[in-house]
Amino acid sequence: MVWHELGSSRQRGNVTDDIETFGGKTIKFEHSIGNARNTNSSLDVFCNNCEIPNLKVEYKSGPNSINSDIIKNQFIERDLFNANNLDEVQWRMEETEFSKETLVDWLTDNKSSIENLGFEKVNQLFDTSFDEFTPNEELAQTVIDYFSNLNNYNLIFN
C-alpha cells in the first residue's frame, strides 16, 4: 500500500483494516478535487487504482457529523458532481444516527443543487434518459426517489 498523505487515525485504521479494497493500492488522503461551486474540496480517501477506479471514500463519525449542508457540499456538489458512476462513492459512517429518511429530507432541502448537476450527470449516474427539456424538478425527484430505496441508500452509506 502506498501512502501519499497522512489522514486521520480513523481513516488510516479503516484503510489498513480493509485489505480487500485497499491492499496494494495507491491511496491519497485529503485529496483535493473540484466541485460544483468552482472551488476545491477534500476527499477523505481517494484510490484511483482500486477495483472500483476513482474510489472516493468519505468518513463520518458521531451524531452531529452529517447535516443538510454537508449533504449539499460534500455529497451532491462534490461526490455526485465528480462521479462517473455511483460505485465510485462510499460514505463510511460510525455512530452518526444518519438514516435513509434523513438523507431523503436533506436531498429534498437541497433540490436546487441536484438540479444544478444537470440532465447529463443525472443520466450518467442514475441510468435515465432525460434531455434538456426535462424539468429540473424531475431531475431532482429522480435522485431523491433513488435514495428512498433502502438498498440504494446502503450501496453508498454504511
N, C-alpha and C. Protein backbone atom coordinates (compact mmCIF):
# COMPACT_ATOMS: atom_id res chain seq x y z
N MET A 1 0.85 -1.16 0.00
CA MET A 1 0.00 0.00 0.00
C MET A 1 0.90 1.22 0.00
N VAL A 2 0.63 2.18 -0.84
CA VAL A 2 1.42 3.41 -0.93
C VAL A 2 0.62 4.52 -0.26
N TRP A 3 1.23 5.20 0.68
CA TRP A 3 0.57 6.30 1.41
C TRP A 3 1.07 7.62 0.84
N HIS A 4 0.19 8.39 0.28
CA HIS A 4 0.59 9.68 -0.27
C HIS A 4 0.53 10.79 0.75
N GLU A 5 -0.48 10.79 1.57
CA GLU A 5 -0.65 11.80 2.59
C GLU A 5 -1.22 11.10 3.81
N LEU A 6 -0.95 11.63 4.96
CA LEU A 6 -1.46 11.02 6.18
C LEU A 6 -2.86 11.54 6.49
N GLY A 7 -3.82 10.65 6.63
CA GLY A 7 -5.17 11.01 7.04
C GLY A 7 -5.30 10.87 8.53
N SER A 8 -6.52 10.99 9.03
CA SER A 8 -6.76 10.82 10.45
C SER A 8 -6.48 9.38 10.85
N SER A 9 -6.32 9.15 12.15
CA SER A 9 -6.05 7.78 12.60
C SER A 9 -7.22 6.87 12.26
N ARG A 10 -8.46 7.36 12.30
CA ARG A 10 -9.62 6.54 11.94
C ARG A 10 -9.57 6.16 10.46
N GLN A 11 -9.23 7.12 9.60
CA GLN A 11 -9.12 6.82 8.18
C GLN A 11 -8.02 5.80 7.92
N ARG A 12 -6.85 6.01 8.51
CA ARG A 12 -5.74 5.08 8.31
C ARG A 12 -6.10 3.71 8.84
N GLY A 13 -6.77 3.67 10.00
CA GLY A 13 -7.18 2.39 10.58
C GLY A 13 -8.15 1.66 9.68
N ASN A 14 -9.13 2.36 9.13
CA ASN A 14 -10.10 1.73 8.25
C ASN A 14 -9.42 1.22 6.98
N VAL A 15 -8.54 2.01 6.44
CA VAL A 15 -7.85 1.62 5.22
C VAL A 15 -6.98 0.40 5.47
N THR A 16 -6.25 0.37 6.57
CA THR A 16 -5.39 -0.79 6.83
C THR A 16 -6.20 -2.02 7.19
N ASP A 17 -7.40 -1.85 7.75
CA ASP A 17 -8.27 -2.98 8.05
C ASP A 17 -8.97 -3.52 6.81
N ASP A 18 -9.14 -2.69 5.80
CA ASP A 18 -9.87 -3.08 4.59
C ASP A 18 -8.89 -3.46 3.48
N ILE A 19 -8.18 -4.53 3.73
CA ILE A 19 -7.17 -5.01 2.77
C ILE A 19 -7.81 -5.39 1.44
N GLU A 20 -9.03 -5.92 1.48
CA GLU A 20 -9.71 -6.34 0.25
C GLU A 20 -9.85 -5.17 -0.72
N THR A 21 -10.19 -4.00 -0.20
CA THR A 21 -10.38 -2.83 -1.06
C THR A 21 -9.06 -2.11 -1.34
N PHE A 22 -8.25 -1.91 -0.30
CA PHE A 22 -7.11 -1.01 -0.42
C PHE A 22 -5.75 -1.69 -0.49
N GLY A 23 -5.68 -3.00 -0.27
CA GLY A 23 -4.39 -3.69 -0.26
C GLY A 23 -3.63 -3.54 -1.56
N GLY A 24 -2.38 -3.09 -1.47
CA GLY A 24 -1.53 -2.94 -2.64
C GLY A 24 -1.89 -1.78 -3.55
N LYS A 25 -2.77 -0.90 -3.10
CA LYS A 25 -3.24 0.21 -3.93
C LYS A 25 -2.58 1.53 -3.51
N THR A 26 -2.63 2.51 -4.39
CA THR A 26 -2.14 3.84 -4.08
C THR A 26 -3.29 4.63 -3.48
N ILE A 27 -3.10 5.08 -2.26
CA ILE A 27 -4.14 5.77 -1.51
C ILE A 27 -3.73 7.22 -1.31
N LYS A 28 -4.67 8.13 -1.50
CA LYS A 28 -4.43 9.54 -1.22
C LYS A 28 -5.42 9.97 -0.14
N PHE A 29 -4.90 10.55 0.92
CA PHE A 29 -5.74 11.09 1.99
C PHE A 29 -5.91 12.59 1.78
N GLU A 30 -7.10 13.09 2.11
CA GLU A 30 -7.40 14.52 1.97
C GLU A 30 -7.04 15.00 0.57
N HIS A 31 -7.50 14.25 -0.41
CA HIS A 31 -7.24 14.52 -1.83
C HIS A 31 -8.09 15.69 -2.30
N SER A 32 -7.47 16.68 -2.89
CA SER A 32 -8.17 17.87 -3.39
C SER A 32 -8.83 17.56 -4.72
N ILE A 33 -10.10 17.96 -4.84
CA ILE A 33 -10.87 17.69 -6.05
C ILE A 33 -11.83 18.85 -6.29
N GLY A 34 -12.10 19.16 -7.54
CA GLY A 34 -13.03 20.24 -7.88
C GLY A 34 -14.45 19.90 -7.46
N ASN A 35 -15.28 20.93 -7.38
CA ASN A 35 -16.69 20.71 -7.03
C ASN A 35 -17.59 21.59 -7.88
N ALA A 36 -18.87 21.48 -7.67
CA ALA A 36 -19.86 22.23 -8.47
C ALA A 36 -19.83 23.72 -8.17
N ARG A 37 -19.15 24.14 -7.12
CA ARG A 37 -19.06 25.56 -6.76
C ARG A 37 -17.84 26.24 -7.39
N ASN A 38 -17.15 25.52 -8.29
CA ASN A 38 -15.93 26.02 -8.93
C ASN A 38 -14.83 26.33 -7.93
N THR A 39 -14.79 25.57 -6.85
CA THR A 39 -13.71 25.63 -5.88
C THR A 39 -13.21 24.19 -5.71
N ASN A 40 -12.37 23.96 -4.73
CA ASN A 40 -11.89 22.61 -4.45
C ASN A 40 -12.40 22.14 -3.11
N SER A 41 -12.61 20.85 -3.01
CA SER A 41 -12.99 20.18 -1.77
C SER A 41 -11.99 19.06 -1.54
N SER A 42 -11.96 18.57 -0.31
CA SER A 42 -11.08 17.45 0.01
C SER A 42 -11.89 16.18 0.19
N LEU A 43 -11.39 15.10 -0.41
CA LEU A 43 -11.94 13.77 -0.19
C LEU A 43 -11.12 13.13 0.92
N ASP A 44 -11.76 12.43 1.83
CA ASP A 44 -11.01 11.77 2.89
C ASP A 44 -10.02 10.76 2.32
N VAL A 45 -10.50 9.89 1.42
CA VAL A 45 -9.64 8.89 0.80
C VAL A 45 -9.99 8.79 -0.68
N PHE A 46 -8.95 8.78 -1.51
CA PHE A 46 -9.13 8.62 -2.95
C PHE A 46 -8.19 7.50 -3.40
N CYS A 47 -8.73 6.59 -4.20
CA CYS A 47 -7.95 5.47 -4.73
C CYS A 47 -8.26 5.34 -6.22
N ASN A 48 -7.32 5.74 -7.05
CA ASN A 48 -7.59 5.67 -8.50
C ASN A 48 -7.31 4.30 -9.09
N ASN A 49 -6.61 3.42 -8.36
CA ASN A 49 -6.33 2.11 -8.92
C ASN A 49 -6.93 0.97 -8.10
N CYS A 50 -7.99 1.26 -7.36
CA CYS A 50 -8.72 0.21 -6.66
C CYS A 50 -9.55 -0.58 -7.67
N GLU A 51 -10.16 -1.67 -7.21
CA GLU A 51 -11.01 -2.47 -8.09
C GLU A 51 -12.09 -1.59 -8.72
N ILE A 52 -12.62 -0.66 -7.93
CA ILE A 52 -13.52 0.36 -8.44
C ILE A 52 -12.63 1.58 -8.72
N PRO A 53 -12.33 1.88 -9.98
CA PRO A 53 -11.45 3.02 -10.28
C PRO A 53 -12.02 4.32 -9.74
N ASN A 54 -11.13 5.19 -9.29
CA ASN A 54 -11.51 6.51 -8.79
C ASN A 54 -12.42 6.44 -7.58
N LEU A 55 -12.18 5.48 -6.70
CA LEU A 55 -12.97 5.31 -5.49
C LEU A 55 -12.80 6.51 -4.57
N LYS A 56 -13.93 7.08 -4.16
CA LYS A 56 -13.96 8.24 -3.28
C LYS A 56 -14.65 7.83 -1.99
N VAL A 57 -13.93 7.93 -0.86
CA VAL A 57 -14.48 7.48 0.41
C VAL A 57 -14.51 8.65 1.39
N GLU A 58 -15.67 8.88 1.96
CA GLU A 58 -15.86 9.90 2.99
C GLU A 58 -16.11 9.19 4.31
N TYR A 59 -15.46 9.64 5.36
CA TYR A 59 -15.64 9.07 6.70
C TYR A 59 -16.38 10.06 7.58
N LYS A 60 -17.38 9.56 8.27
CA LYS A 60 -18.14 10.39 9.22
C LYS A 60 -18.29 9.61 10.51
N SER A 61 -18.11 10.31 11.61
CA SER A 61 -18.20 9.67 12.91
C SER A 61 -18.88 10.61 13.90
N GLY A 62 -19.87 10.09 14.63
CA GLY A 62 -20.54 10.88 15.65
C GLY A 62 -21.88 11.41 15.19
N PRO A 63 -22.76 11.69 16.14
CA PRO A 63 -24.14 12.05 15.82
C PRO A 63 -24.31 13.39 15.10
N ASN A 64 -23.37 14.29 15.18
CA ASN A 64 -23.52 15.59 14.51
C ASN A 64 -22.55 15.76 13.34
N SER A 65 -22.04 14.67 12.83
CA SER A 65 -21.03 14.76 11.78
C SER A 65 -21.63 14.93 10.38
N ILE A 66 -22.93 14.74 10.25
CA ILE A 66 -23.60 14.90 8.95
C ILE A 66 -24.80 15.81 9.16
N ASN A 67 -24.94 16.82 8.30
CA ASN A 67 -26.10 17.69 8.32
C ASN A 67 -26.48 18.05 6.88
N SER A 68 -27.50 18.84 6.74
CA SER A 68 -28.00 19.20 5.41
C SER A 68 -26.93 19.89 4.56
N ASP A 69 -26.15 20.78 5.16
CA ASP A 69 -25.10 21.48 4.40
C ASP A 69 -24.01 20.52 3.94
N ILE A 70 -23.68 19.54 4.77
CA ILE A 70 -22.66 18.56 4.37
C ILE A 70 -23.17 17.71 3.22
N ILE A 71 -24.45 17.32 3.25
CA ILE A 71 -25.01 16.57 2.12
C ILE A 71 -24.94 17.41 0.86
N LYS A 72 -25.26 18.68 0.97
CA LYS A 72 -25.20 19.57 -0.20
C LYS A 72 -23.76 19.72 -0.70
N ASN A 73 -22.86 20.13 0.19
CA ASN A 73 -21.49 20.47 -0.22
C ASN A 73 -20.64 19.25 -0.56
N GLN A 74 -20.77 18.20 0.23
CA GLN A 74 -19.88 17.05 0.03
C GLN A 74 -20.50 15.95 -0.81
N PHE A 75 -21.75 15.60 -0.57
CA PHE A 75 -22.34 14.51 -1.32
C PHE A 75 -22.81 14.95 -2.70
N ILE A 76 -23.62 16.00 -2.77
CA ILE A 76 -24.17 16.43 -4.07
C ILE A 76 -23.11 17.16 -4.89
N GLU A 77 -22.57 18.24 -4.33
CA GLU A 77 -21.73 19.15 -5.12
C GLU A 77 -20.28 18.68 -5.26
N ARG A 78 -19.87 17.72 -4.48
CA ARG A 78 -18.52 17.15 -4.65
C ARG A 78 -18.60 15.74 -5.21
N ASP A 79 -19.24 14.82 -4.46
CA ASP A 79 -19.21 13.39 -4.84
C ASP A 79 -20.01 13.09 -6.10
N LEU A 80 -21.27 13.48 -6.13
CA LEU A 80 -22.07 13.21 -7.34
C LEU A 80 -21.53 14.00 -8.53
N PHE A 81 -21.12 15.23 -8.29
CA PHE A 81 -20.57 16.07 -9.35
C PHE A 81 -19.37 15.41 -10.02
N ASN A 82 -18.51 14.72 -9.25
CA ASN A 82 -17.28 14.13 -9.78
C ASN A 82 -17.39 12.68 -10.19
N ALA A 83 -18.43 12.01 -9.78
CA ALA A 83 -18.53 10.57 -10.04
C ALA A 83 -18.87 10.27 -11.50
N ASN A 84 -18.27 9.21 -12.00
CA ASN A 84 -18.66 8.68 -13.31
C ASN A 84 -19.77 7.66 -13.16
N ASN A 85 -19.83 7.04 -11.97
CA ASN A 85 -20.92 6.13 -11.61
C ASN A 85 -21.01 6.09 -10.09
N LEU A 86 -22.12 5.61 -9.58
CA LEU A 86 -22.35 5.63 -8.14
C LEU A 86 -21.45 4.67 -7.38
N ASP A 87 -20.90 3.67 -8.06
CA ASP A 87 -19.99 2.73 -7.39
C ASP A 87 -18.75 3.43 -6.86
N GLU A 88 -18.39 4.56 -7.42
CA GLU A 88 -17.20 5.30 -7.01
C GLU A 88 -17.35 6.00 -5.67
N VAL A 89 -18.57 6.11 -5.16
CA VAL A 89 -18.84 6.93 -3.97
C VAL A 89 -19.18 6.03 -2.79
N GLN A 90 -18.44 6.20 -1.69
CA GLN A 90 -18.73 5.48 -0.45
C GLN A 90 -18.64 6.44 0.72
N TRP A 91 -19.63 6.35 1.58
CA TRP A 91 -19.59 7.07 2.86
C TRP A 91 -19.57 6.01 3.94
N ARG A 92 -18.51 5.98 4.72
CA ARG A 92 -18.37 5.02 5.81
C ARG A 92 -18.63 5.75 7.11
N MET A 93 -19.64 5.27 7.81
CA MET A 93 -20.15 6.01 8.97
C MET A 93 -20.07 5.18 10.24
N GLU A 94 -19.88 5.88 11.33
CA GLU A 94 -19.82 5.24 12.64
C GLU A 94 -20.57 6.12 13.64
N GLU A 95 -21.63 5.56 14.23
CA GLU A 95 -22.42 6.25 15.26
C GLU A 95 -22.90 7.63 14.82
N THR A 96 -23.38 7.72 13.57
CA THR A 96 -23.84 9.02 13.05
C THR A 96 -25.32 9.28 13.24
N GLU A 97 -26.09 8.24 13.47
CA GLU A 97 -27.55 8.36 13.55
C GLU A 97 -28.14 8.88 12.24
N PHE A 98 -27.43 8.66 11.15
CA PHE A 98 -27.85 9.11 9.82
C PHE A 98 -28.63 7.98 9.15
N SER A 99 -29.80 8.30 8.63
CA SER A 99 -30.69 7.29 8.05
C SER A 99 -31.09 7.66 6.63
N LYS A 100 -31.68 6.70 5.97
CA LYS A 100 -32.23 6.92 4.63
C LYS A 100 -33.25 8.06 4.67
N GLU A 101 -34.09 8.07 5.68
CA GLU A 101 -35.13 9.11 5.79
C GLU A 101 -34.51 10.50 5.94
N THR A 102 -33.43 10.57 6.73
CA THR A 102 -32.74 11.85 6.90
C THR A 102 -32.12 12.28 5.59
N LEU A 103 -31.48 11.35 4.87
CA LEU A 103 -30.90 11.68 3.58
C LEU A 103 -31.96 12.22 2.63
N VAL A 104 -33.10 11.55 2.55
CA VAL A 104 -34.17 11.99 1.65
C VAL A 104 -34.63 13.39 2.03
N ASP A 105 -34.78 13.67 3.32
CA ASP A 105 -35.17 15.01 3.77
C ASP A 105 -34.15 16.05 3.33
N TRP A 106 -32.87 15.74 3.52
CA TRP A 106 -31.83 16.71 3.19
C TRP A 106 -31.60 16.84 1.70
N LEU A 107 -31.81 15.78 0.94
CA LEU A 107 -31.79 15.91 -0.52
C LEU A 107 -32.93 16.81 -0.99
N THR A 108 -34.09 16.64 -0.37
CA THR A 108 -35.24 17.48 -0.70
C THR A 108 -34.95 18.94 -0.37
N ASP A 109 -34.30 19.19 0.76
CA ASP A 109 -33.91 20.56 1.14
C ASP A 109 -32.95 21.17 0.13
N ASN A 110 -32.19 20.33 -0.56
CA ASN A 110 -31.14 20.80 -1.47
C ASN A 110 -31.43 20.46 -2.93
N LYS A 111 -32.73 20.49 -3.28
CA LYS A 111 -33.12 20.16 -4.66
C LYS A 111 -32.40 21.00 -5.70
N SER A 112 -32.20 22.27 -5.42
CA SER A 112 -31.57 23.15 -6.41
C SER A 112 -30.14 22.69 -6.73
N SER A 113 -29.42 22.17 -5.75
CA SER A 113 -28.07 21.66 -6.02
C SER A 113 -28.12 20.41 -6.88
N ILE A 114 -29.12 19.57 -6.66
CA ILE A 114 -29.29 18.39 -7.51
C ILE A 114 -29.64 18.83 -8.93
N GLU A 115 -30.55 19.77 -9.04
CA GLU A 115 -30.94 20.28 -10.36
C GLU A 115 -29.75 20.85 -11.11
N ASN A 116 -28.84 21.51 -10.37
CA ASN A 116 -27.67 22.12 -11.00
C ASN A 116 -26.69 21.09 -11.55
N LEU A 117 -26.80 19.84 -11.13
CA LEU A 117 -25.96 18.79 -11.71
C LEU A 117 -26.25 18.64 -13.21
N GLY A 118 -27.51 18.89 -13.59
CA GLY A 118 -27.90 18.83 -14.99
C GLY A 118 -28.33 17.44 -15.43
N PHE A 119 -29.01 17.39 -16.55
CA PHE A 119 -29.59 16.14 -17.03
C PHE A 119 -28.52 15.14 -17.46
N GLU A 120 -27.39 15.61 -18.00
CA GLU A 120 -26.36 14.68 -18.45
C GLU A 120 -25.76 13.91 -17.28
N LYS A 121 -25.49 14.60 -16.17
CA LYS A 121 -24.92 13.93 -15.00
C LYS A 121 -25.95 12.99 -14.36
N VAL A 122 -27.20 13.41 -14.27
CA VAL A 122 -28.24 12.54 -13.72
C VAL A 122 -28.39 11.30 -14.59
N ASN A 123 -28.38 11.46 -15.90
CA ASN A 123 -28.45 10.30 -16.80
C ASN A 123 -27.26 9.36 -16.58
N GLN A 124 -26.08 9.92 -16.46
CA GLN A 124 -24.87 9.13 -16.28
C GLN A 124 -24.92 8.31 -14.99
N LEU A 125 -25.38 8.92 -13.90
CA LEU A 125 -25.34 8.27 -12.59
C LEU A 125 -26.55 7.37 -12.32
N PHE A 126 -27.70 7.72 -12.88
CA PHE A 126 -28.94 7.05 -12.48
C PHE A 126 -29.62 6.31 -13.63
N ASP A 127 -28.90 6.12 -14.73
CA ASP A 127 -29.39 5.33 -15.87
C ASP A 127 -30.75 5.81 -16.36
N THR A 128 -30.85 7.11 -16.54
CA THR A 128 -32.08 7.71 -17.06
C THR A 128 -31.79 8.24 -18.47
N SER A 129 -32.81 8.72 -19.12
CA SER A 129 -32.64 9.26 -20.48
C SER A 129 -33.32 10.61 -20.61
N PHE A 130 -33.02 11.49 -19.66
CA PHE A 130 -33.57 12.84 -19.72
C PHE A 130 -32.87 13.65 -20.81
N ASP A 131 -33.51 14.73 -21.22
CA ASP A 131 -32.89 15.65 -22.17
C ASP A 131 -33.02 17.06 -21.63
N GLU A 132 -32.56 18.02 -22.43
CA GLU A 132 -32.56 19.42 -21.98
C GLU A 132 -33.96 19.98 -21.74
N PHE A 133 -34.97 19.27 -22.18
CA PHE A 133 -36.34 19.73 -21.99
C PHE A 133 -36.98 19.16 -20.72
N THR A 134 -36.26 18.28 -20.05
CA THR A 134 -36.78 17.68 -18.81
C THR A 134 -36.80 18.75 -17.72
N PRO A 135 -37.93 18.91 -17.05
CA PRO A 135 -37.98 19.90 -15.96
C PRO A 135 -36.98 19.55 -14.86
N ASN A 136 -36.30 20.58 -14.34
CA ASN A 136 -35.32 20.38 -13.28
C ASN A 136 -35.91 19.64 -12.09
N GLU A 137 -37.16 19.90 -11.79
CA GLU A 137 -37.83 19.24 -10.67
C GLU A 137 -37.82 17.72 -10.85
N GLU A 138 -37.99 17.27 -12.09
CA GLU A 138 -37.99 15.83 -12.36
C GLU A 138 -36.60 15.23 -12.15
N LEU A 139 -35.56 15.98 -12.50
CA LEU A 139 -34.19 15.50 -12.27
C LEU A 139 -33.95 15.29 -10.78
N ALA A 140 -34.30 16.29 -9.99
CA ALA A 140 -34.08 16.21 -8.54
C ALA A 140 -34.91 15.09 -7.94
N GLN A 141 -36.14 14.95 -8.37
CA GLN A 141 -37.00 13.92 -7.79
C GLN A 141 -36.50 12.52 -8.11
N THR A 142 -35.89 12.35 -9.27
CA THR A 142 -35.31 11.05 -9.64
C THR A 142 -34.22 10.65 -8.64
N VAL A 143 -33.36 11.59 -8.29
CA VAL A 143 -32.28 11.32 -7.34
C VAL A 143 -32.87 11.03 -5.96
N ILE A 144 -33.83 11.83 -5.54
CA ILE A 144 -34.46 11.65 -4.23
C ILE A 144 -35.16 10.29 -4.17
N ASP A 145 -35.89 9.95 -5.21
CA ASP A 145 -36.60 8.66 -5.24
C ASP A 145 -35.61 7.49 -5.22
N TYR A 146 -34.50 7.62 -5.90
CA TYR A 146 -33.50 6.56 -5.92
C TYR A 146 -33.03 6.25 -4.49
N PHE A 147 -32.72 7.29 -3.73
CA PHE A 147 -32.21 7.08 -2.38
C PHE A 147 -33.32 6.83 -1.36
N SER A 148 -34.57 6.88 -1.78
CA SER A 148 -35.69 6.48 -0.92
C SER A 148 -35.72 4.97 -0.74
N ASN A 149 -35.03 4.26 -1.62
CA ASN A 149 -34.94 2.81 -1.54
C ASN A 149 -33.77 2.45 -0.62
N LEU A 150 -34.04 1.69 0.43
CA LEU A 150 -33.02 1.35 1.42
C LEU A 150 -31.82 0.64 0.80
N ASN A 151 -32.06 -0.25 -0.16
CA ASN A 151 -30.94 -0.94 -0.81
C ASN A 151 -30.02 0.04 -1.53
N ASN A 152 -30.60 1.02 -2.21
CA ASN A 152 -29.79 2.03 -2.91
C ASN A 152 -29.03 2.89 -1.91
N TYR A 153 -29.69 3.29 -0.84
CA TYR A 153 -29.04 4.07 0.23
C TYR A 153 -27.84 3.30 0.77
N ASN A 154 -28.03 2.02 1.05
CA ASN A 154 -26.98 1.20 1.65
C ASN A 154 -25.80 0.94 0.72
N LEU A 155 -25.97 1.12 -0.59
CA LEU A 155 -24.86 0.94 -1.51
C LEU A 155 -23.77 2.00 -1.29
N ILE A 156 -24.17 3.16 -0.79
CA ILE A 156 -23.22 4.25 -0.58
C ILE A 156 -22.98 4.52 0.90
N PHE A 157 -24.05 4.56 1.67
CA PHE A 157 -23.96 4.97 3.07
C PHE A 157 -23.98 3.75 3.99
N ASN A 158 -22.84 3.44 4.59
CA ASN A 158 -22.79 2.31 5.51
C ASN A 158 -21.74 2.51 6.58
